[in-house]
Every structure is written in C-alpha cells, then in structure tokens.
C-alpha cells in the first residue's frame, strides 16, 4: 500500500529536484546527459532556469 504524500512534501521534493538539476547543469552544461539523467525535458529546464538565474 502506498502512502499519499502531503502537498508540502511533494512541493519540497519538486523544489529540491529543480535545484539539483539546475546546479548540475550549471556545472556540467545543458547537455543531453543532464536531460536523460533527471528525466526533464529541455523546455521545462529553461522554464526553471530563468527564475534561478534571476534570484539564485
């Protein structure tokens, strides 16, 4: 039986994944390995990148 995660936990995990992906791509570049490793499509990555670059 799977336990349903509260919205706060889901939001935290999503935010953590975004930061991890953005830090990885900043260090290693925006290459296909990054997209495949994290399962994030390029358009989503760039959507995340803009606020990250503006606010850190």
N, C-alpha and C. Protein backbone atom coordinates (compact mmCIF):
# COMPACT_ATOMS: atom_id res chain seq x y z
N UNK A 1 0.84 -1.19 0.00
CA UNK A 1 0.00 0.00 0.00
C UNK A 1 0.88 1.25 0.00
N UNK A 2 0.61 2.15 -0.91
CA UNK A 2 1.36 3.40 -0.99
C UNK A 2 0.69 4.45 -0.12
N UNK A 3 1.52 5.22 0.55
CA UNK A 3 1.01 6.31 1.39
C UNK A 3 1.04 7.58 0.56
N UNK A 4 -0.05 8.30 0.58
CA UNK A 4 -0.15 9.55 -0.16
C UNK A 4 0.68 10.62 0.55
N UNK A 5 1.51 11.34 -0.23
CA UNK A 5 2.35 12.38 0.34
C UNK A 5 1.58 13.68 0.45
N UNK A 6 1.73 14.38 1.57
CA UNK A 6 1.09 15.70 1.69
C UNK A 6 1.64 16.66 0.64
N UNK A 7 0.85 17.66 0.29
CA UNK A 7 1.23 18.63 -0.74
C UNK A 7 2.56 19.32 -0.41
N UNK A 8 2.80 19.60 0.86
CA UNK A 8 4.03 20.28 1.25
C UNK A 8 5.25 19.44 0.94
N UNK A 9 5.15 18.15 1.17
CA UNK A 9 6.27 17.25 0.89
C UNK A 9 6.50 17.15 -0.61
N UNK A 10 5.44 17.03 -1.36
CA UNK A 10 5.57 16.98 -2.82
C UNK A 10 6.20 18.26 -3.35
N UNK A 11 5.76 19.40 -2.84
CA UNK A 11 6.32 20.69 -3.26
C UNK A 11 7.80 20.78 -2.90
N UNK A 12 8.17 20.32 -1.71
CA UNK A 12 9.57 20.34 -1.28
C UNK A 12 10.42 19.45 -2.18
N UNK A 13 9.94 18.24 -2.46
CA UNK A 13 10.69 17.32 -3.31
C UNK A 13 10.84 17.87 -4.72
N UNK A 14 9.80 18.49 -5.24
CA UNK A 14 9.86 19.09 -6.57
C UNK A 14 10.89 20.22 -6.59
N UNK A 15 10.85 21.07 -5.56
CA UNK A 15 11.80 22.17 -5.46
C UNK A 15 13.23 21.65 -5.34
N UNK A 16 13.42 20.62 -4.54
CA UNK A 16 14.75 20.03 -4.36
C UNK A 16 15.28 19.46 -5.68
N UNK A 17 14.41 18.80 -6.43
CA UNK A 17 14.82 18.24 -7.72
C UNK A 17 15.22 19.36 -8.67
N UNK A 18 14.43 20.44 -8.70
CA UNK A 18 14.74 21.57 -9.57
C UNK A 18 16.13 22.12 -9.25
N UNK A 19 16.39 22.35 -7.97
CA UNK A 19 17.69 22.90 -7.57
C UNK A 19 18.83 21.97 -7.95
N UNK A 20 18.64 20.69 -7.73
CA UNK A 20 19.67 19.70 -8.05
C UNK A 20 19.96 19.72 -9.55
N UNK A 21 18.92 19.71 -10.36
CA UNK A 21 19.08 19.72 -11.81
C UNK A 21 19.76 21.01 -12.26
N UNK A 22 19.33 22.14 -11.74
CA UNK A 22 19.91 23.42 -12.14
C UNK A 22 21.37 23.55 -11.73
N UNK A 23 21.71 23.08 -10.55
CA UNK A 23 23.12 23.11 -10.11
C UNK A 23 23.97 22.20 -10.99
N UNK A 24 23.43 21.03 -11.33
CA UNK A 24 24.15 20.10 -12.19
C UNK A 24 24.40 20.71 -13.57
N UNK A 25 23.37 21.27 -14.15
CA UNK A 25 23.52 21.83 -15.49
C UNK A 25 24.41 23.07 -15.49
N UNK A 26 24.40 23.80 -14.40
CA UNK A 26 25.28 24.98 -14.32
C UNK A 26 26.74 24.53 -14.30
N UNK A 27 27.01 23.43 -13.62
CA UNK A 27 28.38 22.93 -13.51
C UNK A 27 28.83 22.19 -14.77
N UNK A 28 27.95 21.37 -15.34
CA UNK A 28 28.34 20.50 -16.44
C UNK A 28 27.78 20.91 -17.80
N UNK A 29 26.90 21.88 -17.83
CA UNK A 29 26.35 22.35 -19.10
C UNK A 29 25.00 21.72 -19.40
N UNK A 30 24.32 22.33 -20.33
CA UNK A 30 22.99 21.87 -20.72
C UNK A 30 23.14 20.85 -21.84
N UNK A 31 23.46 19.64 -21.46
CA UNK A 31 23.65 18.60 -22.46
C UNK A 31 22.60 17.50 -22.32
N UNK A 32 22.56 16.62 -23.28
CA UNK A 32 21.53 15.58 -23.30
C UNK A 32 21.65 14.62 -22.12
N UNK A 33 22.85 14.47 -21.58
CA UNK A 33 23.02 13.59 -20.42
C UNK A 33 22.23 14.13 -19.23
N UNK A 34 22.25 15.44 -19.05
CA UNK A 34 21.50 16.05 -17.94
C UNK A 34 20.01 15.80 -18.11
N UNK A 35 19.50 15.97 -19.31
CA UNK A 35 18.06 15.77 -19.53
C UNK A 35 17.67 14.33 -19.29
N UNK A 36 18.47 13.41 -19.81
CA UNK A 36 18.15 11.99 -19.67
C UNK A 36 18.32 11.51 -18.23
N UNK A 37 19.36 11.98 -17.56
CA UNK A 37 19.63 11.56 -16.19
C UNK A 37 18.49 11.94 -15.25
N UNK A 38 18.00 13.15 -15.39
CA UNK A 38 16.97 13.64 -14.48
C UNK A 38 15.56 13.53 -15.03
N UNK A 39 15.43 13.12 -16.27
CA UNK A 39 14.10 12.96 -16.85
C UNK A 39 13.34 14.26 -17.02
N UNK A 40 14.08 15.31 -17.37
CA UNK A 40 13.48 16.63 -17.54
C UNK A 40 13.63 17.04 -19.00
N UNK A 41 12.55 17.50 -19.60
CA UNK A 41 12.65 17.94 -20.99
C UNK A 41 13.25 19.34 -21.05
N UNK A 42 13.84 19.65 -22.17
CA UNK A 42 14.58 20.90 -22.32
C UNK A 42 13.73 22.14 -22.07
N UNK A 43 12.51 22.15 -22.57
CA UNK A 43 11.66 23.33 -22.37
C UNK A 43 11.36 23.57 -20.89
N UNK A 44 11.19 22.49 -20.13
CA UNK A 44 10.96 22.61 -18.68
C UNK A 44 12.21 23.15 -18.00
N UNK A 45 13.35 22.65 -18.41
CA UNK A 45 14.61 23.10 -17.83
C UNK A 45 14.80 24.60 -18.01
N UNK A 46 14.52 25.10 -19.21
CA UNK A 46 14.67 26.52 -19.45
C UNK A 46 13.62 27.34 -18.69
N UNK A 47 12.45 26.76 -18.46
CA UNK A 47 11.43 27.44 -17.67
C UNK A 47 11.90 27.58 -16.22
N UNK A 48 12.60 26.57 -15.71
CA UNK A 48 13.15 26.62 -14.36
C UNK A 48 14.36 27.54 -14.29
N UNK A 49 15.14 27.59 -15.37
CA UNK A 49 16.40 28.32 -15.40
C UNK A 49 16.22 29.82 -15.25
N UNK A 50 15.22 30.39 -15.87
CA UNK A 50 15.04 31.84 -15.85
C UNK A 50 14.92 32.39 -14.42
N UNK A 51 14.00 31.89 -13.58
CA UNK A 51 13.93 32.41 -12.22
C UNK A 51 15.19 32.10 -11.39
N UNK A 52 15.79 30.95 -11.65
CA UNK A 52 17.01 30.57 -10.94
C UNK A 52 18.13 31.55 -11.24
N UNK A 53 18.28 31.93 -12.49
CA UNK A 53 19.32 32.89 -12.86
C UNK A 53 19.04 34.28 -12.28
N UNK A 54 17.77 34.64 -12.19
CA UNK A 54 17.41 35.97 -11.67
C UNK A 54 17.54 36.06 -10.15
N UNK A 55 17.18 34.97 -9.45
CA UNK A 55 17.10 35.03 -7.99
C UNK A 55 18.05 34.09 -7.27
N UNK A 56 18.67 33.19 -7.99
CA UNK A 56 19.63 32.27 -7.39
C UNK A 56 19.07 31.13 -6.67
